[in-house]
Amino acid sequence: MKNCIIIFFLFFVSSYTVAQTRLGLRISPTISANRLESKADSLDLANNGAALRFIAGIFADKYLGGSYYFSTGLFYAPKRVSYEVTNNLTGSKTKEIYNLQYVLLPLSLKLLTSEIALDTRLYFQVGVNLEVKIHEEAVRTSELYVNKFRNLEASSLLGLGVERRISTNVNLYGGFTYYRGLFNVASSRSDQPELIVKNDLFSLDFMIRF
């Protein structure tokens, strides 16, 4: 995994040198939550709250023409999965909490509007994330329903915000992004009903692009 990160970073640097791709840094306070469902009528599912996390990393914007950019990057994104399951047949309640860590590779299209004020524009961003799990930790678990979490995940992303140019080659950004998990990330125990867990992230984004 470390070698993949190094290779991707070198790709960013070479892209900037060859094609004048704009590079930037991002940090985002993020709310991590999850959606739950099960096909078993005997189970009642409830989220056990959300958690504050931070996304951080580098991004690259490749100019496509007009007001459009292809935007990608490499981000570290921790998440929390937390839920409570009530078995209506036995009356038992189970509470499980997991901390997960991912590397995100976004593939997105960014649209910039005309100036709404001097050196200020709105941006809209839509795309998908390819996600690789790099760490999994059980904080509280009975290991009753989830055996482990899958190594690969994908999510859609939708973002919007404001771009402010502060010099010829430096831009500041502030905005919001919603990441919606597309697939079940939990691998359920074979002797239990399937538990479907999908992760969602809501981030407040602060970025600088050079």
N, C-alpha and C. Protein backbone atom coordinates (compact mmCIF):
# COMPACT_ATOMS: atom_id res chain seq x y z
N MET A 1 0.82 -1.19 0.00
CA MET A 1 0.00 0.00 0.00
C MET A 1 0.87 1.26 0.00
N LYS A 2 1.95 1.25 0.80
CA LYS A 2 2.84 2.41 0.82
C LYS A 2 3.46 2.65 -0.55
N ASN A 3 3.84 1.57 -1.25
CA ASN A 3 4.41 1.72 -2.59
C ASN A 3 3.40 2.33 -3.55
N CYS A 4 2.12 1.93 -3.43
CA CYS A 4 1.08 2.49 -4.30
C CYS A 4 0.91 3.98 -4.07
N ILE A 5 0.97 4.39 -2.81
CA ILE A 5 0.83 5.81 -2.48
C ILE A 5 1.99 6.60 -3.06
N ILE A 6 3.20 6.08 -2.94
CA ILE A 6 4.38 6.76 -3.47
C ILE A 6 4.30 6.88 -4.99
N ILE A 7 3.87 5.80 -5.65
CA ILE A 7 3.74 5.83 -7.11
C ILE A 7 2.71 6.86 -7.54
N PHE A 8 1.59 6.92 -6.82
CA PHE A 8 0.55 7.88 -7.18
C PHE A 8 1.03 9.31 -6.96
N PHE A 9 1.79 9.54 -5.89
CA PHE A 9 2.34 10.87 -5.64
C PHE A 9 3.29 11.28 -6.76
N LEU A 10 4.13 10.35 -7.21
CA LEU A 10 5.04 10.64 -8.32
C LEU A 10 4.28 10.92 -9.59
N PHE A 11 3.13 10.23 -9.77
CA PHE A 11 2.28 10.51 -10.92
C PHE A 11 1.76 11.93 -10.88
N PHE A 12 1.37 12.40 -9.70
CA PHE A 12 0.90 13.77 -9.54
C PHE A 12 1.99 14.76 -9.96
N VAL A 13 3.20 14.52 -9.46
CA VAL A 13 4.30 15.44 -9.75
C VAL A 13 4.60 15.47 -11.24
N SER A 14 4.65 14.29 -11.88
CA SER A 14 4.94 14.24 -13.30
C SER A 14 3.82 14.88 -14.11
N SER A 15 2.56 14.70 -13.68
CA SER A 15 1.44 15.32 -14.37
C SER A 15 1.54 16.83 -14.32
N TYR A 16 1.95 17.35 -13.18
CA TYR A 16 2.08 18.79 -13.03
C TYR A 16 3.17 19.32 -13.95
N THR A 17 4.25 18.58 -14.05
CA THR A 17 5.38 19.02 -14.87
C THR A 17 5.06 18.98 -16.35
N VAL A 18 4.41 17.90 -16.79
CA VAL A 18 4.18 17.69 -18.22
C VAL A 18 2.97 18.46 -18.72
N ALA A 19 1.87 18.39 -17.98
CA ALA A 19 0.61 18.91 -18.51
C ALA A 19 0.09 20.13 -17.75
N GLN A 20 0.89 20.69 -16.85
CA GLN A 20 0.48 21.85 -16.07
C GLN A 20 -0.82 21.61 -15.32
N THR A 21 -0.96 20.44 -14.77
CA THR A 21 -2.06 20.14 -13.88
C THR A 21 -1.86 20.91 -12.58
N ARG A 22 -2.93 21.49 -12.06
CA ARG A 22 -2.85 22.27 -10.84
C ARG A 22 -2.98 21.35 -9.63
N LEU A 23 -2.05 21.47 -8.70
CA LEU A 23 -2.03 20.64 -7.50
C LEU A 23 -2.51 21.44 -6.30
N GLY A 24 -3.05 20.72 -5.30
CA GLY A 24 -3.52 21.40 -4.11
C GLY A 24 -3.54 20.50 -2.89
N LEU A 25 -3.83 21.12 -1.75
CA LEU A 25 -3.94 20.42 -0.47
C LEU A 25 -5.34 20.61 0.08
N ARG A 26 -5.81 19.61 0.80
CA ARG A 26 -7.17 19.68 1.35
C ARG A 26 -7.22 19.08 2.75
N ILE A 27 -7.99 19.72 3.63
CA ILE A 27 -8.33 19.15 4.93
C ILE A 27 -9.81 19.39 5.16
N SER A 28 -10.51 18.37 5.68
CA SER A 28 -11.96 18.44 5.78
C SER A 28 -12.45 17.81 7.08
N PRO A 29 -12.96 18.60 8.02
CA PRO A 29 -13.72 18.01 9.13
C PRO A 29 -14.93 17.28 8.55
N THR A 30 -15.17 16.06 9.02
CA THR A 30 -16.13 15.19 8.36
C THR A 30 -17.01 14.45 9.37
N ILE A 31 -18.29 14.36 9.05
CA ILE A 31 -19.21 13.53 9.84
C ILE A 31 -19.32 12.17 9.16
N SER A 32 -19.00 11.12 9.91
CA SER A 32 -19.07 9.75 9.40
C SER A 32 -20.32 9.08 9.97
N ALA A 33 -21.15 8.57 9.05
CA ALA A 33 -22.37 7.87 9.45
C ALA A 33 -22.55 6.64 8.58
N ASN A 34 -23.56 5.84 8.87
CA ASN A 34 -23.79 4.65 8.06
C ASN A 34 -25.28 4.35 7.94
N ARG A 35 -25.63 3.66 6.85
CA ARG A 35 -26.99 3.20 6.60
C ARG A 35 -27.05 1.68 6.77
N LEU A 36 -28.13 1.21 7.36
CA LEU A 36 -28.25 -0.21 7.70
C LEU A 36 -29.52 -0.79 7.11
N GLU A 37 -29.45 -2.05 6.74
CA GLU A 37 -30.66 -2.78 6.36
C GLU A 37 -30.38 -4.28 6.45
N SER A 38 -31.46 -5.03 6.56
CA SER A 38 -31.35 -6.49 6.60
C SER A 38 -32.62 -7.06 6.00
N LYS A 39 -32.48 -8.20 5.34
CA LYS A 39 -33.63 -8.87 4.74
C LYS A 39 -34.38 -9.73 5.76
N ALA A 40 -33.82 -9.84 6.96
CA ALA A 40 -34.45 -10.66 8.00
C ALA A 40 -35.46 -9.82 8.78
N ASP A 41 -36.71 -10.24 8.80
CA ASP A 41 -37.77 -9.51 9.52
C ASP A 41 -37.59 -9.59 11.03
N SER A 42 -36.79 -10.53 11.48
CA SER A 42 -36.61 -10.71 12.92
C SER A 42 -35.64 -9.70 13.54
N LEU A 43 -34.99 -8.89 12.70
CA LEU A 43 -34.00 -7.94 13.20
C LEU A 43 -34.49 -6.50 13.11
N ASP A 44 -34.33 -5.75 14.18
CA ASP A 44 -34.55 -4.31 14.20
C ASP A 44 -33.18 -3.63 14.25
N LEU A 45 -32.93 -2.73 13.30
CA LEU A 45 -31.62 -2.09 13.19
C LEU A 45 -31.72 -0.62 13.55
N ALA A 46 -30.67 -0.12 14.21
CA ALA A 46 -30.63 1.31 14.56
C ALA A 46 -29.20 1.80 14.48
N ASN A 47 -29.02 3.00 13.89
CA ASN A 47 -27.71 3.62 13.92
C ASN A 47 -27.36 4.03 15.34
N ASN A 48 -26.10 3.95 15.66
CA ASN A 48 -25.66 4.34 16.99
C ASN A 48 -24.94 5.68 16.95
N GLY A 49 -25.52 6.62 16.20
CA GLY A 49 -24.94 7.95 16.13
C GLY A 49 -23.86 8.08 15.07
N ALA A 50 -23.40 9.31 14.87
CA ALA A 50 -22.34 9.62 13.92
C ALA A 50 -21.08 10.01 14.68
N ALA A 51 -19.99 10.21 13.95
CA ALA A 51 -18.71 10.54 14.58
C ALA A 51 -17.97 11.58 13.76
N LEU A 52 -17.19 12.40 14.43
CA LEU A 52 -16.37 13.41 13.76
C LEU A 52 -15.04 12.79 13.34
N ARG A 53 -14.69 12.94 12.07
CA ARG A 53 -13.43 12.48 11.54
C ARG A 53 -12.82 13.58 10.67
N PHE A 54 -11.60 13.37 10.15
CA PHE A 54 -10.94 14.35 9.29
C PHE A 54 -10.40 13.66 8.04
N ILE A 55 -10.75 14.21 6.89
CA ILE A 55 -10.17 13.78 5.62
C ILE A 55 -9.04 14.74 5.26
N ALA A 56 -7.92 14.21 4.79
CA ALA A 56 -6.78 15.05 4.41
C ALA A 56 -6.04 14.42 3.25
N GLY A 57 -5.43 15.27 2.40
CA GLY A 57 -4.65 14.73 1.31
C GLY A 57 -4.36 15.76 0.24
N ILE A 58 -3.96 15.27 -0.92
CA ILE A 58 -3.60 16.13 -2.06
C ILE A 58 -4.59 15.88 -3.19
N PHE A 59 -4.78 16.91 -4.03
CA PHE A 59 -5.64 16.75 -5.19
C PHE A 59 -5.00 17.39 -6.40
N ALA A 60 -5.50 17.03 -7.58
CA ALA A 60 -4.99 17.57 -8.84
C ALA A 60 -6.17 17.90 -9.74
N ASP A 61 -6.17 19.10 -10.31
CA ASP A 61 -7.19 19.54 -11.25
C ASP A 61 -6.58 19.68 -12.63
N LYS A 62 -7.10 18.93 -13.58
CA LYS A 62 -6.64 18.98 -14.96
C LYS A 62 -7.63 19.77 -15.79
N TYR A 63 -7.18 20.86 -16.39
CA TYR A 63 -8.06 21.73 -17.17
C TYR A 63 -8.51 21.02 -18.44
N LEU A 64 -9.82 20.99 -18.68
CA LEU A 64 -10.38 20.32 -19.85
C LEU A 64 -10.83 21.29 -20.92
N GLY A 65 -10.99 22.55 -20.56
CA GLY A 65 -11.49 23.54 -21.50
C GLY A 65 -12.76 24.19 -20.96
N GLY A 66 -13.00 25.42 -21.36
CA GLY A 66 -14.18 26.12 -20.87
C GLY A 66 -14.09 26.32 -19.37
N SER A 67 -15.11 25.89 -18.66
CA SER A 67 -15.14 26.01 -17.20
C SER A 67 -15.01 24.65 -16.52
N TYR A 68 -14.48 23.64 -17.23
CA TYR A 68 -14.48 22.28 -16.72
C TYR A 68 -13.07 21.81 -16.36
N TYR A 69 -12.99 21.05 -15.26
CA TYR A 69 -11.76 20.41 -14.82
C TYR A 69 -12.04 18.95 -14.50
N PHE A 70 -11.07 18.10 -14.81
CA PHE A 70 -11.08 16.75 -14.27
C PHE A 70 -10.32 16.78 -12.97
N SER A 71 -10.95 16.33 -11.90
CA SER A 71 -10.34 16.42 -10.57
C SER A 71 -10.15 15.04 -9.97
N THR A 72 -8.95 14.78 -9.48
CA THR A 72 -8.65 13.53 -8.80
C THR A 72 -7.80 13.85 -7.57
N GLY A 73 -7.31 12.84 -6.90
CA GLY A 73 -6.52 13.10 -5.71
C GLY A 73 -6.18 11.82 -4.98
N LEU A 74 -5.65 11.99 -3.79
CA LEU A 74 -5.31 10.87 -2.92
C LEU A 74 -5.55 11.34 -1.49
N PHE A 75 -6.57 10.77 -0.83
CA PHE A 75 -6.98 11.25 0.49
C PHE A 75 -6.99 10.12 1.51
N TYR A 76 -6.63 10.48 2.72
CA TYR A 76 -6.77 9.59 3.86
C TYR A 76 -8.12 9.88 4.52
N ALA A 77 -8.96 8.85 4.69
CA ALA A 77 -10.32 9.06 5.19
C ALA A 77 -10.68 8.01 6.24
N PRO A 78 -10.66 8.36 7.51
CA PRO A 78 -11.14 7.44 8.54
C PRO A 78 -12.67 7.47 8.62
N LYS A 79 -13.26 6.34 8.97
CA LYS A 79 -14.71 6.23 9.11
C LYS A 79 -15.06 5.44 10.37
N ARG A 80 -16.31 5.60 10.79
CA ARG A 80 -16.80 4.78 11.91
C ARG A 80 -18.09 4.08 11.49
N VAL A 81 -18.17 2.80 11.83
CA VAL A 81 -19.40 2.03 11.66
C VAL A 81 -19.92 1.70 13.06
N SER A 82 -21.15 2.11 13.34
CA SER A 82 -21.71 1.90 14.66
C SER A 82 -23.20 1.60 14.54
N TYR A 83 -23.65 0.54 15.17
CA TYR A 83 -25.06 0.17 15.05
C TYR A 83 -25.48 -0.69 16.24
N GLU A 84 -26.81 -0.81 16.37
CA GLU A 84 -27.40 -1.66 17.40
C GLU A 84 -28.43 -2.57 16.74
N VAL A 85 -28.35 -3.83 17.03
CA VAL A 85 -29.25 -4.82 16.44
C VAL A 85 -30.07 -5.47 17.55
N THR A 86 -31.39 -5.47 17.37
CA THR A 86 -32.29 -6.16 18.29
C THR A 86 -32.90 -7.36 17.59
N ASN A 87 -32.71 -8.53 18.17
CA ASN A 87 -33.29 -9.76 17.65
C ASN A 87 -34.66 -9.95 18.29
N ASN A 88 -35.72 -9.82 17.49
CA ASN A 88 -37.08 -9.90 18.02
C ASN A 88 -37.46 -11.31 18.47
N LEU A 89 -36.74 -12.30 17.99
CA LEU A 89 -37.05 -13.68 18.38
C LEU A 89 -36.51 -14.01 19.76
N THR A 90 -35.31 -13.50 20.05
CA THR A 90 -34.68 -13.80 21.34
C THR A 90 -34.75 -12.64 22.32
N GLY A 91 -35.02 -11.42 21.80
CA GLY A 91 -35.05 -10.24 22.66
C GLY A 91 -33.67 -9.67 22.96
N SER A 92 -32.63 -10.25 22.39
CA SER A 92 -31.27 -9.80 22.67
C SER A 92 -30.93 -8.54 21.87
N LYS A 93 -30.08 -7.70 22.46
CA LYS A 93 -29.59 -6.49 21.80
C LYS A 93 -28.07 -6.55 21.68
N THR A 94 -27.58 -6.19 20.52
CA THR A 94 -26.14 -6.22 20.26
C THR A 94 -25.70 -4.87 19.74
N LYS A 95 -24.66 -4.30 20.35
CA LYS A 95 -24.10 -3.02 19.93
C LYS A 95 -22.66 -3.25 19.46
N GLU A 96 -22.38 -2.80 18.23
CA GLU A 96 -21.04 -2.99 17.66
C GLU A 96 -20.52 -1.68 17.10
N ILE A 97 -19.23 -1.41 17.32
CA ILE A 97 -18.58 -0.18 16.85
C ILE A 97 -17.24 -0.56 16.23
N TYR A 98 -16.97 -0.03 15.03
CA TYR A 98 -15.72 -0.29 14.33
C TYR A 98 -15.13 1.03 13.82
N ASN A 99 -13.82 1.14 13.90
CA ASN A 99 -13.10 2.24 13.25
C ASN A 99 -12.42 1.69 12.00
N LEU A 100 -12.70 2.33 10.88
CA LEU A 100 -12.11 1.92 9.60
C LEU A 100 -11.31 3.07 9.02
N GLN A 101 -10.26 2.74 8.28
CA GLN A 101 -9.44 3.75 7.62
C GLN A 101 -9.31 3.38 6.14
N TYR A 102 -9.46 4.40 5.29
CA TYR A 102 -9.43 4.19 3.85
C TYR A 102 -8.49 5.18 3.16
N VAL A 103 -8.01 4.78 2.00
CA VAL A 103 -7.40 5.70 1.04
C VAL A 103 -8.40 5.90 -0.09
N LEU A 104 -8.72 7.16 -0.38
CA LEU A 104 -9.71 7.48 -1.41
C LEU A 104 -9.02 7.98 -2.67
N LEU A 105 -9.51 7.51 -3.82
CA LEU A 105 -9.08 8.00 -5.12
C LEU A 105 -10.32 8.55 -5.83
N PRO A 106 -10.56 9.86 -5.78
CA PRO A 106 -11.73 10.41 -6.46
C PRO A 106 -11.50 10.59 -7.96
N LEU A 107 -12.55 10.35 -8.72
CA LEU A 107 -12.56 10.60 -10.16
C LEU A 107 -13.79 11.46 -10.42
N SER A 108 -13.58 12.75 -10.68
CA SER A 108 -14.73 13.65 -10.70
C SER A 108 -14.58 14.74 -11.74
N LEU A 109 -15.70 15.39 -12.03
CA LEU A 109 -15.76 16.53 -12.93
C LEU A 109 -16.12 17.76 -12.11
N LYS A 110 -15.33 18.81 -12.27
CA LYS A 110 -15.55 20.06 -11.53
C LYS A 110 -15.93 21.16 -12.52
N LEU A 111 -17.02 21.85 -12.22
CA LEU A 111 -17.51 22.95 -13.04
C LEU A 111 -17.41 24.24 -12.26
N LEU A 112 -16.82 25.25 -12.88
CA LEU A 112 -16.72 26.59 -12.28
C LEU A 112 -17.66 27.55 -13.00
N THR A 113 -18.35 28.37 -12.24
CA THR A 113 -19.27 29.34 -12.82
C THR A 113 -18.52 30.62 -13.21
N SER A 114 -19.25 31.54 -13.78
CA SER A 114 -18.70 32.88 -13.99
C SER A 114 -18.53 33.56 -12.64
N GLU A 115 -17.76 34.65 -12.60
CA GLU A 115 -17.51 35.34 -11.34
C GLU A 115 -18.79 35.90 -10.76
N ILE A 116 -19.02 35.63 -9.47
CA ILE A 116 -20.15 36.20 -8.76
C ILE A 116 -19.74 37.45 -7.99
N ALA A 117 -18.41 37.64 -7.86
CA ALA A 117 -17.81 38.84 -7.28
C ALA A 117 -16.37 38.87 -7.80
N LEU A 118 -15.64 39.90 -7.48
CA LEU A 118 -14.28 40.03 -7.97
C LEU A 118 -13.44 38.83 -7.53
N ASP A 119 -12.88 38.08 -8.50
CA ASP A 119 -12.00 36.92 -8.27
C ASP A 119 -12.69 35.81 -7.48
N THR A 120 -14.01 35.74 -7.54
CA THR A 120 -14.77 34.74 -6.77
C THR A 120 -15.75 34.01 -7.67
N ARG A 121 -15.72 32.68 -7.62
CA ARG A 121 -16.61 31.85 -8.42
C ARG A 121 -17.17 30.72 -7.57
N LEU A 122 -18.30 30.18 -8.00
CA LEU A 122 -18.84 28.97 -7.40
C LEU A 122 -18.32 27.76 -8.15
N TYR A 123 -18.22 26.63 -7.46
CA TYR A 123 -17.86 25.39 -8.14
C TYR A 123 -18.85 24.29 -7.75
N PHE A 124 -19.05 23.37 -8.69
CA PHE A 124 -19.87 22.18 -8.47
C PHE A 124 -19.05 20.97 -8.89
N GLN A 125 -19.15 19.90 -8.13
CA GLN A 125 -18.32 18.72 -8.39
C GLN A 125 -19.15 17.46 -8.27
N VAL A 126 -18.99 16.55 -9.23
CA VAL A 126 -19.72 15.29 -9.20
C VAL A 126 -18.80 14.17 -9.70
N GLY A 127 -18.93 13.00 -9.10
CA GLY A 127 -18.07 11.89 -9.52
C GLY A 127 -18.20 10.70 -8.60
N VAL A 128 -17.16 9.86 -8.59
CA VAL A 128 -17.12 8.66 -7.76
C VAL A 128 -15.78 8.59 -7.05
N ASN A 129 -15.77 7.85 -5.95
CA ASN A 129 -14.54 7.53 -5.23
C ASN A 129 -14.27 6.03 -5.32
N LEU A 130 -13.04 5.68 -5.60
CA LEU A 130 -12.57 4.32 -5.42
C LEU A 130 -11.84 4.29 -4.08
N GLU A 131 -12.19 3.33 -3.22
CA GLU A 131 -11.70 3.33 -1.85
C GLU A 131 -11.04 2.00 -1.50
N VAL A 132 -9.90 2.09 -0.82
CA VAL A 132 -9.17 0.91 -0.38
C VAL A 132 -9.02 0.97 1.13
N LYS A 133 -9.48 -0.06 1.82
CA LYS A 133 -9.36 -0.11 3.28
C LYS A 133 -7.91 -0.44 3.65
N ILE A 134 -7.35 0.34 4.58
CA ILE A 134 -5.98 0.11 5.01
C ILE A 134 -5.89 -0.30 6.48
N HIS A 135 -7.01 -0.14 7.21
CA HIS A 135 -6.99 -0.53 8.63
C HIS A 135 -8.41 -0.76 9.11
N GLU A 136 -8.55 -1.71 10.03
CA GLU A 136 -9.84 -2.03 10.63
C GLU A 136 -9.62 -2.33 12.11
N GLU A 137 -10.42 -1.70 12.96
CA GLU A 137 -10.29 -1.89 14.40
C GLU A 137 -11.67 -2.02 15.03
N ALA A 138 -11.87 -3.07 15.80
CA ALA A 138 -13.11 -3.26 16.53
C ALA A 138 -13.00 -2.55 17.87
N VAL A 139 -13.85 -1.53 18.07
CA VAL A 139 -13.86 -0.80 19.34
C VAL A 139 -14.73 -1.51 20.36
N ARG A 140 -15.90 -1.91 19.90
CA ARG A 140 -16.82 -2.67 20.76
C ARG A 140 -17.58 -3.63 19.88
N THR A 141 -17.41 -4.91 20.13
CA THR A 141 -18.08 -5.90 19.28
C THR A 141 -18.27 -7.22 20.00
N SER A 142 -19.36 -7.87 19.68
CA SER A 142 -19.59 -9.23 20.14
C SER A 142 -19.27 -10.22 19.04
N GLU A 143 -18.89 -9.67 17.86
CA GLU A 143 -18.61 -10.48 16.66
C GLU A 143 -19.80 -11.39 16.32
N LEU A 144 -21.00 -10.86 16.56
CA LEU A 144 -22.19 -11.68 16.35
C LEU A 144 -22.68 -11.62 14.90
N TYR A 145 -22.60 -10.43 14.27
CA TYR A 145 -23.17 -10.29 12.94
C TYR A 145 -22.12 -10.05 11.84
N VAL A 146 -21.11 -9.26 12.12
CA VAL A 146 -20.10 -8.92 11.11
C VAL A 146 -18.83 -9.73 11.34
N ASN A 147 -18.39 -10.40 10.30
CA ASN A 147 -17.15 -11.16 10.37
C ASN A 147 -15.95 -10.26 10.12
N LYS A 148 -16.05 -9.43 9.09
CA LYS A 148 -15.01 -8.47 8.76
C LYS A 148 -15.59 -7.47 7.76
N PHE A 149 -14.78 -6.48 7.39
CA PHE A 149 -15.21 -5.50 6.40
C PHE A 149 -14.38 -5.68 5.12
N ARG A 150 -15.03 -5.48 3.99
CA ARG A 150 -14.40 -5.72 2.70
C ARG A 150 -13.29 -4.70 2.44
N ASN A 151 -12.30 -5.10 1.66
CA ASN A 151 -11.13 -4.25 1.42
C ASN A 151 -11.39 -3.14 0.41
N LEU A 152 -12.37 -3.34 -0.47
CA LEU A 152 -12.64 -2.36 -1.52
C LEU A 152 -14.04 -1.80 -1.35
N GLU A 153 -14.17 -0.51 -1.65
CA GLU A 153 -15.46 0.16 -1.56
C GLU A 153 -15.52 1.23 -2.65
N ALA A 154 -16.72 1.68 -2.95
CA ALA A 154 -16.91 2.79 -3.89
C ALA A 154 -18.04 3.67 -3.37
N SER A 155 -17.95 4.95 -3.68
CA SER A 155 -18.98 5.88 -3.26
C SER A 155 -19.14 6.95 -4.33
N SER A 156 -20.35 7.50 -4.41
CA SER A 156 -20.58 8.66 -5.27
C SER A 156 -20.26 9.92 -4.47
N LEU A 157 -19.93 11.00 -5.17
CA LEU A 157 -19.65 12.25 -4.47
C LEU A 157 -20.35 13.40 -5.17
N LEU A 158 -20.81 14.33 -4.36
CA LEU A 158 -21.46 15.54 -4.85
C LEU A 158 -21.00 16.69 -3.98
N GLY A 159 -20.38 17.70 -4.61
CA GLY A 159 -19.83 18.81 -3.85
C GLY A 159 -20.17 20.15 -4.45
N LEU A 160 -20.10 21.17 -3.61
CA LEU A 160 -20.29 22.54 -4.07
C LEU A 160 -19.57 23.47 -3.10
N GLY A 161 -19.21 24.65 -3.61
CA GLY A 161 -18.50 25.59 -2.76
C GLY A 161 -18.11 26.85 -3.51
N VAL A 162 -17.15 27.56 -2.94
CA VAL A 162 -16.70 28.85 -3.46
C VAL A 162 -15.20 28.80 -3.71
N GLU A 163 -14.79 29.32 -4.86
CA GLU A 163 -13.37 29.48 -5.19
C GLU A 163 -13.02 30.96 -5.10
N ARG A 164 -11.89 31.26 -4.45
CA ARG A 164 -11.41 32.64 -4.33
C ARG A 164 -9.96 32.70 -4.81
N ARG A 165 -9.70 33.48 -5.84
CA ARG A 165 -8.33 33.64 -6.34
C ARG A 165 -7.64 34.72 -5.54
N ILE A 166 -6.50 34.38 -4.94
CA ILE A 166 -5.78 35.37 -4.14
C ILE A 166 -4.49 35.83 -4.80
N SER A 167 -4.05 35.11 -5.85
CA SER A 167 -2.93 35.56 -6.66
C SER A 167 -3.01 34.84 -8.00
N THR A 168 -2.07 35.09 -8.88
CA THR A 168 -2.12 34.50 -10.22
C THR A 168 -2.18 32.98 -10.19
N ASN A 169 -1.44 32.37 -9.27
CA ASN A 169 -1.33 30.91 -9.25
C ASN A 169 -1.87 30.26 -7.99
N VAL A 170 -2.55 31.01 -7.15
CA VAL A 170 -3.03 30.46 -5.87
C VAL A 170 -4.53 30.72 -5.74
N ASN A 171 -5.27 29.64 -5.44
CA ASN A 171 -6.72 29.73 -5.23
C ASN A 171 -7.09 29.07 -3.91
N LEU A 172 -8.01 29.68 -3.21
CA LEU A 172 -8.56 29.11 -1.98
C LEU A 172 -9.98 28.60 -2.25
N TYR A 173 -10.36 27.51 -1.54
CA TYR A 173 -11.68 26.92 -1.71
C TYR A 173 -12.30 26.64 -0.35
N GLY A 174 -13.60 26.82 -0.29
CA GLY A 174 -14.38 26.39 0.86
C GLY A 174 -15.68 25.80 0.36
N GLY A 175 -16.06 24.64 0.89
CA GLY A 175 -17.28 24.02 0.38
C GLY A 175 -17.71 22.82 1.18
N PHE A 176 -18.66 22.08 0.62
CA PHE A 176 -19.21 20.88 1.25
C PHE A 176 -19.20 19.74 0.23
N THR A 177 -18.99 18.53 0.73
CA THR A 177 -19.06 17.34 -0.11
C THR A 177 -19.83 16.24 0.61
N TYR A 178 -20.69 15.58 -0.14
CA TYR A 178 -21.42 14.42 0.38
C TYR A 178 -20.95 13.17 -0.35
N TYR A 179 -20.49 12.18 0.41
CA TYR A 179 -20.08 10.89 -0.13
C TYR A 179 -21.13 9.84 0.27
N ARG A 180 -21.67 9.15 -0.71
CA ARG A 180 -22.70 8.15 -0.44
C ARG A 180 -22.19 6.77 -0.86
N GLY A 181 -22.04 5.87 0.11
CA GLY A 181 -21.54 4.53 -0.16
C GLY A 181 -22.47 3.78 -1.09
N LEU A 182 -21.89 3.06 -2.05
CA LEU A 182 -22.67 2.38 -3.07
C LEU A 182 -22.86 0.89 -2.79
N PHE A 183 -21.98 0.30 -2.00
CA PHE A 183 -22.01 -1.14 -1.80
C PHE A 183 -21.97 -1.50 -0.32
N ASN A 184 -22.40 -2.71 -0.04
CA ASN A 184 -22.31 -3.24 1.32
C ASN A 184 -20.84 -3.50 1.67
N VAL A 185 -20.38 -2.91 2.77
CA VAL A 185 -18.96 -3.05 3.14
C VAL A 185 -18.75 -4.16 4.16
N ALA A 186 -19.84 -4.70 4.70
CA ALA A 186 -19.72 -5.70 5.76
C ALA A 186 -19.83 -7.11 5.20
N SER A 187 -18.98 -7.98 5.68
CA SER A 187 -19.06 -9.40 5.38
C SER A 187 -19.65 -10.10 6.60
N SER A 188 -20.91 -10.54 6.47
CA SER A 188 -21.65 -11.09 7.62
C SER A 188 -21.21 -12.51 7.93
N ARG A 189 -21.43 -12.91 9.17
CA ARG A 189 -21.17 -14.30 9.57
C ARG A 189 -22.13 -15.23 8.85
N SER A 190 -21.66 -16.39 8.50
CA SER A 190 -22.47 -17.34 7.72
C SER A 190 -23.64 -17.89 8.53
N ASP A 191 -23.55 -17.87 9.86
CA ASP A 191 -24.62 -18.43 10.70
C ASP A 191 -25.60 -17.36 11.17
N GLN A 192 -25.51 -16.12 10.59
CA GLN A 192 -26.40 -15.05 10.98
C GLN A 192 -27.06 -14.42 9.74
N PRO A 193 -28.20 -13.75 9.90
CA PRO A 193 -28.80 -13.04 8.77
C PRO A 193 -27.85 -11.98 8.24
N GLU A 194 -27.92 -11.74 6.93
CA GLU A 194 -27.03 -10.76 6.31
C GLU A 194 -27.33 -9.36 6.81
N LEU A 195 -26.29 -8.65 7.21
CA LEU A 195 -26.40 -7.26 7.64
C LEU A 195 -25.74 -6.40 6.56
N ILE A 196 -26.50 -5.46 6.01
CA ILE A 196 -26.00 -4.59 4.93
C ILE A 196 -25.62 -3.24 5.54
N VAL A 197 -24.37 -2.85 5.37
CA VAL A 197 -23.85 -1.60 5.92
C VAL A 197 -23.26 -0.77 4.79
N LYS A 198 -23.72 0.46 4.65
CA LYS A 198 -23.18 1.39 3.66
C LYS A 198 -22.78 2.68 4.36
N ASN A 199 -21.59 3.17 4.02
CA ASN A 199 -21.03 4.34 4.70
C ASN A 199 -21.37 5.64 3.99
N ASP A 200 -21.63 6.68 4.77
CA ASP A 200 -21.84 8.03 4.26
C ASP A 200 -20.90 8.99 4.97
N LEU A 201 -20.42 9.99 4.21
CA LEU A 201 -19.58 11.04 4.77
C LEU A 201 -20.13 12.41 4.37
N PHE A 202 -20.10 13.35 5.32
CA PHE A 202 -20.49 14.74 5.06
C PHE A 202 -19.31 15.62 5.48
N SER A 203 -18.66 16.26 4.52
CA SER A 203 -17.42 16.97 4.84
C SER A 203 -17.53 18.47 4.59
N LEU A 204 -16.86 19.23 5.44
CA LEU A 204 -16.67 20.67 5.28
C LEU A 204 -15.25 20.86 4.77
N ASP A 205 -15.11 21.35 3.54
CA ASP A 205 -13.83 21.30 2.84
C ASP A 205 -13.10 22.64 2.86
N PHE A 206 -11.80 22.58 3.17
CA PHE A 206 -10.90 23.72 3.07
C PHE A 206 -9.73 23.31 2.18
N MET A 207 -9.52 24.05 1.08
CA MET A 207 -8.49 23.65 0.11
C MET A 207 -7.71 24.87 -0.38
N ILE A 208 -6.48 24.59 -0.77
CA ILE A 208 -5.64 25.57 -1.43
C ILE A 208 -5.03 24.92 -2.67
N ARG A 209 -5.08 25.61 -3.81
CA ARG A 209 -4.56 25.07 -5.08
C ARG A 209 -3.50 26.01 -5.63
N PHE A 210 -2.41 25.40 -6.10
CA PHE A 210 -1.27 26.19 -6.57
C PHE A 210 -1.14 26.13 -8.09
